[in-house]
Amino acid sequence: MSNINEIGKKKLLIFHPVLATYRIDQFNILNEIFDLEVVLLFDQMWNFNIDQNKISEQCHFKYSYLLSGPRYKGRLFRFGMYKKIRQVDPDIILGYEYSFTTQYLLLLKKLGLVKQKVGTFVDDSLDICINIQSKIRKIARDKSLKILDFLVVMSKEVADFHHCNFNLKENSLIISPILQLPERLRKNSDTIEKIAQNHISKYNLKGKKVLLFVGRFIPEKALDIFLKKVSQFIKDKDDCLFLLIGEGSELEKIKSIVEDEKIDNKVLFPGKYQFDELYAWYASSSGFVLPSLSETFGAVVNEALVFGLSVFCSKYAGASSLIDSNNGITFNPLDEEDTLNKLELFYNQIKPVNEVNISERPPLISSFRERMISEWGKLAYE
């Protein structure tokens, strides 16, 4: 960091969809390395209501908004990007994915209107990289990677994929997974413990092995497939409870499956929670489950590990790269035998819920700060 102090930080301008909890620590650390400004293209997360004031008070970086422009489904374009670039005059510019935003930045670069380095965040898991979702995305990716100066990816496996398949050099691949700092999430431990005790009392969790899912009830999460595969397993375990935290379009469908499989006394739907109330569910559970068939990264896996919760994670989730023999098990949600055999192994490893003491359940993931500084140093210190 001393070199930066002597010569001044480089200016980094990021165009990003929305201010989300799982990006706070990453952007705060980037602000330590760079003179950072984040331009947000939405002022609220779509399909997910969250208290933006609680997020913004934790942000130590500059951010602004561009909210005017056409939008069609998940695709959008925002007016004023070039004006913002000229105003900030950054050294480095970042878009996201292979979006219209990134394509516009690349067009400005091809036209010579932008001389700065241009890169993009790509949240794809290795499975999504290999089995790309559509021809349009494949064309956008293949053309973009010929022009982009650098790529920010979630794991070493994804970096290796781009190195081998697109001949991207090591210094143009930044490995920067969506991780959150344990010290921030666990900061209000006394409050979280009190809320967790209330959860335990309200839902009679004490002495039970509580499996926890947190997320949106959407097809990609594959909760319907998972529940059908494991319903008999859940029935056979007298001490088993499965808590599904969240909301989404498939809620009623999933509830119907639970009723049809006659496990409605074992599968509970407490609702949607945020911040400390959400973290208290991690603190009052035995193990975390993510059965997704398609998942870019999955910040909830990181959150579970931060609260010392072992994870039963789909191999198709990008965050499966965080799982090792010390903190969980990965499985194939499409393979019933693999799912059930590994769930039995996982279930035997976790403990029933007892008194909540966060200090006695340390994080199952190490700090990423130094690794992140080292990776982004490829841009900051060159």
Protein backbone atom coordinates (compact mmCIF):
# COMPACT_ATOMS: atom_id res chain seq x y z
CA MET A 1 0.00 0.00 0.00
CA SER A 2 2.97 2.30 0.57
CA ASN A 3 3.63 2.51 -3.18
CA ILE A 4 0.07 3.73 -3.69
CA ASN A 5 0.45 6.36 -0.99
CA GLU A 6 3.62 7.67 -2.66
CA ILE A 7 2.33 7.88 -6.23
CA GLY A 8 -1.41 8.25 -5.66
CA LYS A 9 -4.20 5.76 -6.17
CA LYS A 10 -5.50 4.93 -9.62
CA LYS A 11 -9.07 5.96 -10.30
CA LEU A 12 -11.46 3.03 -10.73
CA LEU A 13 -14.96 3.58 -12.13
CA ILE A 14 -17.42 0.69 -11.87
CA PHE A 15 -20.81 0.54 -13.57
CA HIS A 16 -22.83 -1.93 -11.51
CA PRO A 17 -26.54 -2.88 -11.45
CA VAL A 18 -27.43 -2.28 -7.80
CA LEU A 19 -26.09 -1.81 -4.28
CA ALA A 20 -26.27 -5.26 -2.67
CA THR A 21 -25.13 -6.53 0.73
CA TYR A 22 -22.78 -9.14 -0.74
CA ARG A 23 -20.77 -6.47 -2.63
CA ILE A 24 -20.18 -4.12 0.32
CA ASP A 25 -16.91 -5.60 1.57
CA GLN A 26 -15.52 -6.09 -1.92
CA PHE A 27 -16.15 -2.45 -2.87
CA ASN A 28 -14.90 -1.16 0.50
CA ILE A 29 -11.60 -3.01 0.02
CA LEU A 30 -11.36 -1.79 -3.57
CA ASN A 31 -11.70 1.76 -2.21
CA GLU A 32 -8.61 1.10 -0.07
CA ILE A 33 -6.66 0.10 -3.17
CA PHE A 34 -8.13 2.55 -5.67
CA ASP A 35 -9.88 5.91 -5.75
CA LEU A 36 -13.22 4.22 -6.38
CA GLU A 37 -16.60 5.39 -7.60
CA VAL A 38 -19.45 2.96 -8.25
CA VAL A 39 -22.22 4.05 -10.62
CA LEU A 40 -25.44 2.17 -9.84
CA LEU A 41 -28.00 1.52 -12.57
CA PHE A 42 -30.90 0.66 -10.24
CA ASP A 43 -31.83 2.23 -6.92
CA GLN A 44 -33.44 -0.97 -5.59
CA MET A 45 -32.81 -4.68 -6.11
CA TRP A 46 -35.34 -6.09 -8.55
CA ASN A 47 -37.54 -8.92 -7.26
CA PHE A 48 -36.14 -8.38 -3.76
CA ASN A 49 -37.13 -5.65 -1.34
CA ILE A 50 -34.26 -4.71 0.95
CA ASP A 51 -33.51 -1.77 3.21
CA GLN A 52 -31.10 0.30 1.10
CA ASN A 53 -30.38 2.65 4.02
CA LYS A 54 -28.93 -0.24 6.06
CA ILE A 55 -26.70 -1.12 3.13
CA SER A 56 -25.55 2.42 2.34
CA GLU A 57 -24.49 3.17 5.92
CA GLN A 58 -21.91 0.39 5.63
CA CYS A 59 -20.40 1.72 2.39
CA HIS A 60 -17.07 3.56 2.57
CA PHE A 61 -16.83 4.30 -1.15
CA LYS A 62 -18.35 6.94 -3.42
CA TYR A 63 -21.40 5.91 -5.37
CA SER A 64 -23.87 7.63 -7.66
CA TYR A 65 -26.81 6.67 -9.87
CA LEU A 66 -27.72 6.60 -13.55
CA LEU A 67 -31.41 5.67 -13.71
CA SER A 68 -32.58 7.02 -17.05
CA GLY A 69 -32.72 4.77 -20.09
CA PRO A 70 -34.58 1.87 -21.73
CA ARG A 71 -35.09 -1.46 -19.98
CA TYR A 72 -36.44 -4.73 -21.33
CA LYS A 73 -36.81 -7.58 -18.85
CA GLY A 74 -33.33 -8.02 -17.35
CA ARG A 75 -31.55 -5.98 -20.02
CA LEU A 76 -31.02 -2.25 -19.82
CA PHE A 77 -29.08 0.70 -21.13
CA ARG A 78 -28.42 3.87 -19.14
CA PHE A 79 -27.97 7.33 -20.63
CA GLY A 80 -25.07 9.42 -19.36
CA MET A 81 -22.32 6.79 -19.15
CA TYR A 82 -19.89 8.58 -21.46
CA LYS A 83 -20.54 11.89 -19.69
CA LYS A 84 -19.79 10.18 -16.37
CA ILE A 85 -16.54 8.75 -17.72
CA ARG A 86 -15.42 12.18 -18.92
CA GLN A 87 -16.39 13.72 -15.57
CA VAL A 88 -14.50 11.18 -13.43
CA ASP A 89 -11.62 10.64 -15.88
CA PRO A 90 -10.75 7.22 -14.42
CA ASP A 91 -7.70 5.08 -15.15
CA ILE A 92 -9.75 1.87 -15.23
CA ILE A 93 -13.41 1.19 -16.09
CA LEU A 94 -15.46 -1.88 -15.18
CA GLY A 95 -18.76 -3.12 -16.55
CA TYR A 96 -20.66 -6.24 -15.52
CA GLU A 97 -21.07 -9.54 -17.36
CA TYR A 98 -21.42 -9.21 -21.16
CA SER A 99 -24.29 -6.76 -20.72
CA PHE A 100 -25.30 -3.84 -22.92
CA THR A 101 -23.35 -1.70 -20.44
CA THR A 102 -20.15 -3.63 -21.12
CA GLN A 103 -20.83 -3.68 -24.88
CA TYR A 104 -21.23 0.10 -24.87
CA LEU A 105 -17.93 0.52 -23.02
CA LEU A 106 -16.23 -1.70 -25.61
CA LEU A 107 -17.81 0.33 -28.43
CA LEU A 108 -16.45 3.55 -26.91
CA LYS A 109 -13.04 1.88 -26.72
CA LYS A 110 -13.16 0.72 -30.35
CA LEU A 111 -14.16 4.22 -31.46
CA GLY A 112 -11.21 5.66 -29.57
CA LEU A 113 -13.43 7.73 -27.27
CA VAL A 114 -12.20 5.76 -24.25
CA LYS A 115 -8.46 5.24 -23.84
CA GLN A 116 -8.64 3.65 -20.39
CA LYS A 117 -8.44 -0.03 -19.56
CA VAL A 118 -11.86 -1.67 -19.74
CA GLY A 119 -12.85 -4.85 -17.93
CA THR A 120 -15.92 -6.59 -16.59
CA PHE A 121 -17.15 -8.69 -13.66
CA VAL A 122 -18.26 -12.18 -14.68
CA ASP A 123 -20.01 -14.14 -11.92
CA ASP A 124 -20.34 -17.41 -13.89
CA SER A 125 -19.59 -20.73 -12.25
CA LEU A 126 -17.40 -23.18 -14.15
CA ASP A 127 -20.49 -25.16 -15.16
CA ILE A 128 -22.12 -22.03 -16.65
CA CYS A 129 -18.88 -21.21 -18.50
CA ILE A 130 -18.80 -24.68 -20.06
CA ASN A 131 -22.54 -24.98 -20.72
CA ILE A 132 -23.17 -21.42 -21.78
CA GLN A 133 -26.85 -20.42 -21.51
CA SER A 134 -27.57 -19.11 -25.01
CA LYS A 135 -26.07 -18.49 -28.43
CA ILE A 136 -26.42 -14.73 -27.92
CA ARG A 137 -24.42 -14.85 -24.69
CA LYS A 138 -21.79 -17.05 -26.34
CA ILE A 139 -21.38 -14.58 -29.21
CA ALA A 140 -21.20 -11.65 -26.76
CA ARG A 141 -18.63 -13.46 -24.62
CA ASP A 142 -16.42 -14.58 -27.51
CA LYS A 143 -16.35 -11.11 -29.09
CA SER A 144 -15.94 -9.28 -25.78
CA LEU A 145 -12.95 -11.36 -24.68
CA LYS A 146 -11.04 -10.27 -27.77
CA ILE A 147 -11.30 -6.62 -26.72
CA LEU A 148 -11.49 -6.55 -22.91
CA ASP A 149 -8.27 -5.63 -21.12
CA PHE A 150 -9.09 -7.77 -18.08
CA LEU A 151 -11.72 -10.03 -16.58
CA VAL A 152 -12.81 -10.36 -12.93
CA VAL A 153 -13.91 -13.93 -12.14
CA MET A 154 -15.12 -15.85 -9.09
CA SER A 155 -12.65 -18.73 -8.81
CA LYS A 156 -9.34 -20.17 -9.98
CA GLU A 157 -11.23 -22.84 -11.94
CA VAL A 158 -13.06 -20.16 -13.93
CA ALA A 159 -9.79 -18.24 -14.44
CA ASP A 160 -8.14 -21.43 -15.75
CA PHE A 161 -11.07 -21.97 -18.13
CA HIS A 162 -10.58 -18.53 -19.68
CA HIS A 163 -6.81 -18.94 -19.76
CA CYS A 164 -7.05 -22.28 -21.60
CA ASN A 165 -9.95 -21.48 -23.92
CA PHE A 166 -9.33 -17.81 -24.72
CA ASN A 167 -5.61 -17.51 -24.10
CA LEU A 168 -6.11 -14.76 -21.51
CA LYS A 169 -2.93 -13.99 -19.63
CA GLU A 170 -2.63 -14.37 -15.86
CA ASN A 171 -2.25 -10.62 -15.26
CA SER A 172 -5.52 -9.98 -17.14
CA LEU A 173 -7.50 -12.43 -14.95
CA ILE A 174 -8.45 -11.21 -11.48
CA ILE A 175 -9.84 -13.83 -9.11
CA SER A 176 -12.19 -11.97 -6.80
CA PRO A 177 -15.10 -14.06 -5.47
CA ILE A 178 -18.14 -12.44 -3.87
CA LEU A 179 -17.15 -12.83 -0.23
CA GLN A 180 -18.11 -10.99 2.93
CA LEU A 181 -15.88 -10.25 5.91
CA PRO A 182 -16.69 -12.26 9.05
CA GLU A 183 -15.97 -9.27 11.28
CA ARG A 184 -18.75 -7.25 9.61
CA LEU A 185 -21.39 -9.99 9.51
CA ARG A 186 -20.68 -11.14 13.08
CA LYS A 187 -20.31 -7.60 14.47
CA ASN A 188 -23.63 -7.55 16.35
CA SER A 189 -23.16 -11.02 17.86
CA ASP A 190 -25.09 -10.26 21.07
CA THR A 191 -28.12 -9.10 19.08
CA ILE A 192 -27.86 -12.03 16.67
CA GLU A 193 -27.69 -14.51 19.57
CA LYS A 194 -30.83 -13.06 21.17
CA ILE A 195 -32.75 -13.24 17.91
CA ALA A 196 -31.47 -16.80 17.35
CA GLN A 197 -32.73 -17.87 20.76
CA ASN A 198 -36.14 -16.47 19.81
CA HIS A 199 -36.05 -18.48 16.57
CA ILE A 200 -35.19 -21.64 18.52
CA SER A 201 -37.98 -21.09 21.02
CA LYS A 202 -40.65 -20.09 18.46
CA TYR A 203 -40.02 -23.04 16.14
CA ASN A 204 -39.00 -25.61 18.80
CA LEU A 205 -35.58 -26.18 17.25
CA LYS A 206 -33.64 -27.25 20.33
CA GLY A 207 -32.39 -30.81 20.12
CA LYS A 208 -33.20 -31.01 16.39
CA LYS A 209 -30.81 -31.28 13.49
CA VAL A 210 -31.89 -28.23 11.52
CA LEU A 211 -31.12 -28.04 7.82
CA LEU A 212 -31.34 -24.50 6.46
CA PHE A 213 -31.97 -23.08 2.99
CA VAL A 214 -31.85 -19.33 2.34
CA GLY A 215 -32.76 -17.81 -1.02
CA ARG A 216 -35.42 -17.15 -3.60
CA PHE A 217 -37.93 -19.87 -4.44
CA ILE A 218 -37.22 -20.01 -8.17
CA PRO A 219 -36.64 -22.93 -10.60
CA GLU A 220 -32.85 -22.57 -10.62
CA LYS A 221 -32.67 -23.36 -6.90
CA ALA A 222 -34.20 -26.81 -7.64
CA LEU A 223 -35.93 -27.06 -4.27
CA ASP A 224 -38.78 -29.07 -5.82
CA ILE A 225 -36.39 -31.68 -7.22
CA PHE A 226 -34.42 -31.84 -3.99
CA LEU A 227 -37.47 -32.22 -1.76
CA LYS A 228 -38.84 -35.09 -3.83
CA LYS A 229 -35.50 -36.90 -3.62
CA VAL A 230 -35.01 -36.44 0.14
CA SER A 231 -38.59 -36.60 1.45
CA GLN A 232 -38.25 -40.18 2.73
CA PHE A 233 -34.90 -39.31 4.30
CA ILE A 234 -36.54 -36.42 6.17
CA LYS A 235 -39.41 -38.67 7.31
CA ASP A 236 -37.03 -41.32 8.62
CA LYS A 237 -35.06 -38.87 10.79
CA ASP A 238 -37.03 -38.16 13.97
CA ASP A 239 -34.82 -35.19 14.86
CA CYS A 240 -34.75 -33.59 11.38
CA LEU A 241 -36.21 -30.19 10.47
CA PHE A 242 -35.73 -28.38 7.16
CA LEU A 243 -36.19 -24.59 7.23
CA LEU A 244 -36.76 -22.74 3.95
CA ILE A 245 -36.09 -19.02 4.40
CA GLY A 246 -37.15 -16.68 1.61
CA GLU A 247 -39.87 -16.01 -0.91
CA GLY A 248 -40.41 -16.35 -4.63
CA SER A 249 -42.58 -17.47 -7.53
CA GLU A 250 -42.39 -21.17 -6.66
CA LEU A 251 -43.41 -20.87 -3.01
CA GLU A 252 -46.87 -22.37 -3.45
CA LYS A 253 -45.53 -25.14 -5.69
CA ILE A 254 -42.95 -26.09 -3.07
CA LYS A 255 -45.55 -26.02 -0.29
CA SER A 256 -47.71 -28.37 -2.37
CA ILE A 257 -44.81 -30.80 -2.76
CA VAL A 258 -44.22 -30.71 0.99
CA GLU A 259 -47.89 -31.57 1.59
CA ASP A 260 -47.96 -34.29 -1.09
CA GLU A 261 -44.84 -35.90 0.37
CA LYS A 262 -46.37 -35.68 3.86
CA ILE A 263 -43.41 -33.84 5.35
CA ASP A 264 -45.28 -30.65 6.29
CA ASN A 265 -44.43 -31.27 9.96
CA LYS A 266 -40.73 -31.42 9.06
CA VAL A 267 -40.40 -28.58 6.53
CA LEU A 268 -41.09 -25.05 7.75
CA PHE A 269 -41.47 -21.73 5.89
CA PRO A 270 -40.67 -18.95 8.39
CA GLY A 271 -40.61 -16.22 5.71
CA LYS A 272 -38.04 -13.75 4.39
CA TYR A 273 -35.42 -12.16 6.66
CA GLN A 274 -32.63 -9.62 6.29
CA PHE A 275 -29.46 -8.56 8.11
CA ASP A 276 -29.19 -9.63 11.77
CA GLU A 277 -32.53 -11.48 11.72
CA LEU A 278 -31.25 -13.50 8.77
CA TYR A 279 -27.84 -14.09 10.34
CA ALA A 280 -29.65 -15.44 13.41
CA TRP A 281 -31.02 -18.29 11.28
CA TYR A 282 -27.47 -19.35 10.45
CA ALA A 283 -26.64 -19.19 14.16
CA SER A 284 -29.66 -21.33 15.11
CA SER A 285 -29.21 -24.12 12.50
CA SER A 286 -27.11 -27.27 12.20
CA GLY A 287 -26.21 -27.26 8.51
CA PHE A 288 -26.85 -25.32 5.31
CA VAL A 289 -28.24 -26.76 2.04
CA LEU A 290 -27.95 -25.30 -1.48
CA PRO A 291 -29.35 -27.69 -4.16
CA SER A 292 -29.17 -25.31 -7.15
CA LEU A 293 -28.92 -26.65 -10.68
CA SER A 294 -27.57 -23.29 -11.87
CA GLU A 295 -25.94 -20.74 -9.57
CA THR A 296 -23.40 -18.10 -10.48
CA PHE A 297 -21.80 -17.91 -7.06
CA GLY A 298 -24.29 -17.84 -4.21
CA ALA A 299 -23.43 -15.40 -1.43
CA VAL A 300 -25.50 -17.43 1.05
CA VAL A 301 -22.84 -20.16 1.11
CA ASN A 302 -20.28 -17.58 2.20
CA GLU A 303 -22.67 -16.27 4.87
CA ALA A 304 -23.30 -19.78 6.23
CA LEU A 305 -19.56 -20.46 6.45
CA VAL A 306 -18.98 -17.11 8.17
CA PHE A 307 -21.32 -18.27 10.94
CA GLY A 308 -19.56 -21.60 11.28
CA LEU A 309 -22.25 -23.58 9.50
CA SER A 310 -21.22 -26.62 7.42
CA VAL A 311 -22.64 -26.59 3.88
CA PHE A 312 -24.22 -29.31 1.74
CA CYS A 313 -23.65 -27.68 -1.64
CA SER A 314 -24.62 -28.50 -5.21
CA LYS A 315 -21.62 -29.04 -7.45
CA TYR A 316 -23.30 -26.71 -9.95
CA ALA A 317 -23.10 -23.70 -7.63
CA GLY A 318 -20.16 -21.37 -8.18
CA ALA A 319 -19.65 -21.19 -4.41
CA SER A 320 -18.92 -24.93 -4.35
CA SER A 321 -15.32 -23.76 -4.86
CA LEU A 322 -15.43 -22.63 -1.20
CA ILE A 323 -16.25 -26.14 0.06
CA ASP A 324 -13.60 -28.56 1.26
CA SER A 325 -13.46 -31.55 3.63
CA ASN A 326 -13.35 -29.20 6.63
CA ASN A 327 -16.50 -27.20 5.97
CA GLY A 328 -18.96 -29.27 3.97
CA ILE A 329 -19.77 -31.70 1.18
CA THR A 330 -20.59 -31.14 -2.50
CA PHE A 331 -23.12 -33.31 -4.32
CA ASN A 332 -24.86 -33.80 -7.65
CA PRO A 333 -28.53 -32.74 -7.23
CA LEU A 334 -29.46 -34.58 -10.44
CA ASP A 335 -28.20 -37.92 -9.09
CA GLU A 336 -30.55 -39.36 -6.45
CA GLU A 337 -28.08 -41.92 -5.15
CA ASP A 338 -25.28 -39.38 -4.83
CA THR A 339 -27.64 -36.90 -3.15
CA LEU A 340 -28.93 -39.38 -0.56
CA ASN A 341 -25.59 -41.02 0.21
CA LYS A 342 -23.86 -37.71 0.73
CA LEU A 343 -26.77 -36.23 2.66
CA GLU A 344 -26.56 -39.17 5.08
CA LEU A 345 -22.85 -38.50 5.51
CA PHE A 346 -23.46 -34.78 5.99
CA TYR A 347 -26.31 -35.38 8.44
CA ASN A 348 -24.12 -37.61 10.59
CA GLN A 349 -21.49 -34.86 10.79
CA ILE A 350 -23.74 -32.02 11.97
CA LYS A 351 -24.94 -31.47 15.53
CA PRO A 352 -28.39 -30.79 16.97
CA VAL A 353 -29.26 -27.20 17.82
CA ASN A 354 -28.44 -26.24 21.40
CA GLU A 355 -27.63 -22.94 23.13
CA VAL A 356 -26.40 -20.22 20.77
CA ASN A 357 -22.87 -18.96 21.29
CA ILE A 358 -21.39 -17.41 18.16
CA SER A 359 -17.90 -17.13 19.67
CA GLU A 360 -17.84 -20.91 20.07
CA ARG A 361 -18.66 -21.46 16.40
CA PRO A 362 -15.81 -19.75 14.50
CA PRO A 363 -16.00 -19.06 10.76
CA LEU A 364 -15.32 -22.00 8.45
CA ILE A 365 -13.77 -19.69 5.86
CA SER A 366 -10.56 -17.70 6.07
CA SER A 367 -10.21 -13.97 5.49
CA PHE A 368 -9.93 -13.04 1.84
CA ARG A 369 -8.62 -9.48 2.28
CA GLU A 370 -4.96 -10.13 1.49
CA ARG A 371 -5.76 -12.42 -1.45
CA MET A 372 -8.07 -9.78 -2.87
CA ILE A 373 -5.49 -7.01 -2.50
CA SER A 374 -2.93 -9.22 -4.23
CA GLU A 375 -5.23 -10.02 -7.16
CA TRP A 376 -6.37 -6.43 -7.74
CA GLY A 377 -2.76 -5.36 -7.39
CA LYS A 378 -2.34 -6.60 -10.95
CA LEU A 379 -4.17 -3.40 -11.93
CA ALA A 380 -3.36 -1.10 -9.04
CA TYR A 381 0.41 -1.49 -8.90
CA GLU A 382 1.41 -1.96 -12.53
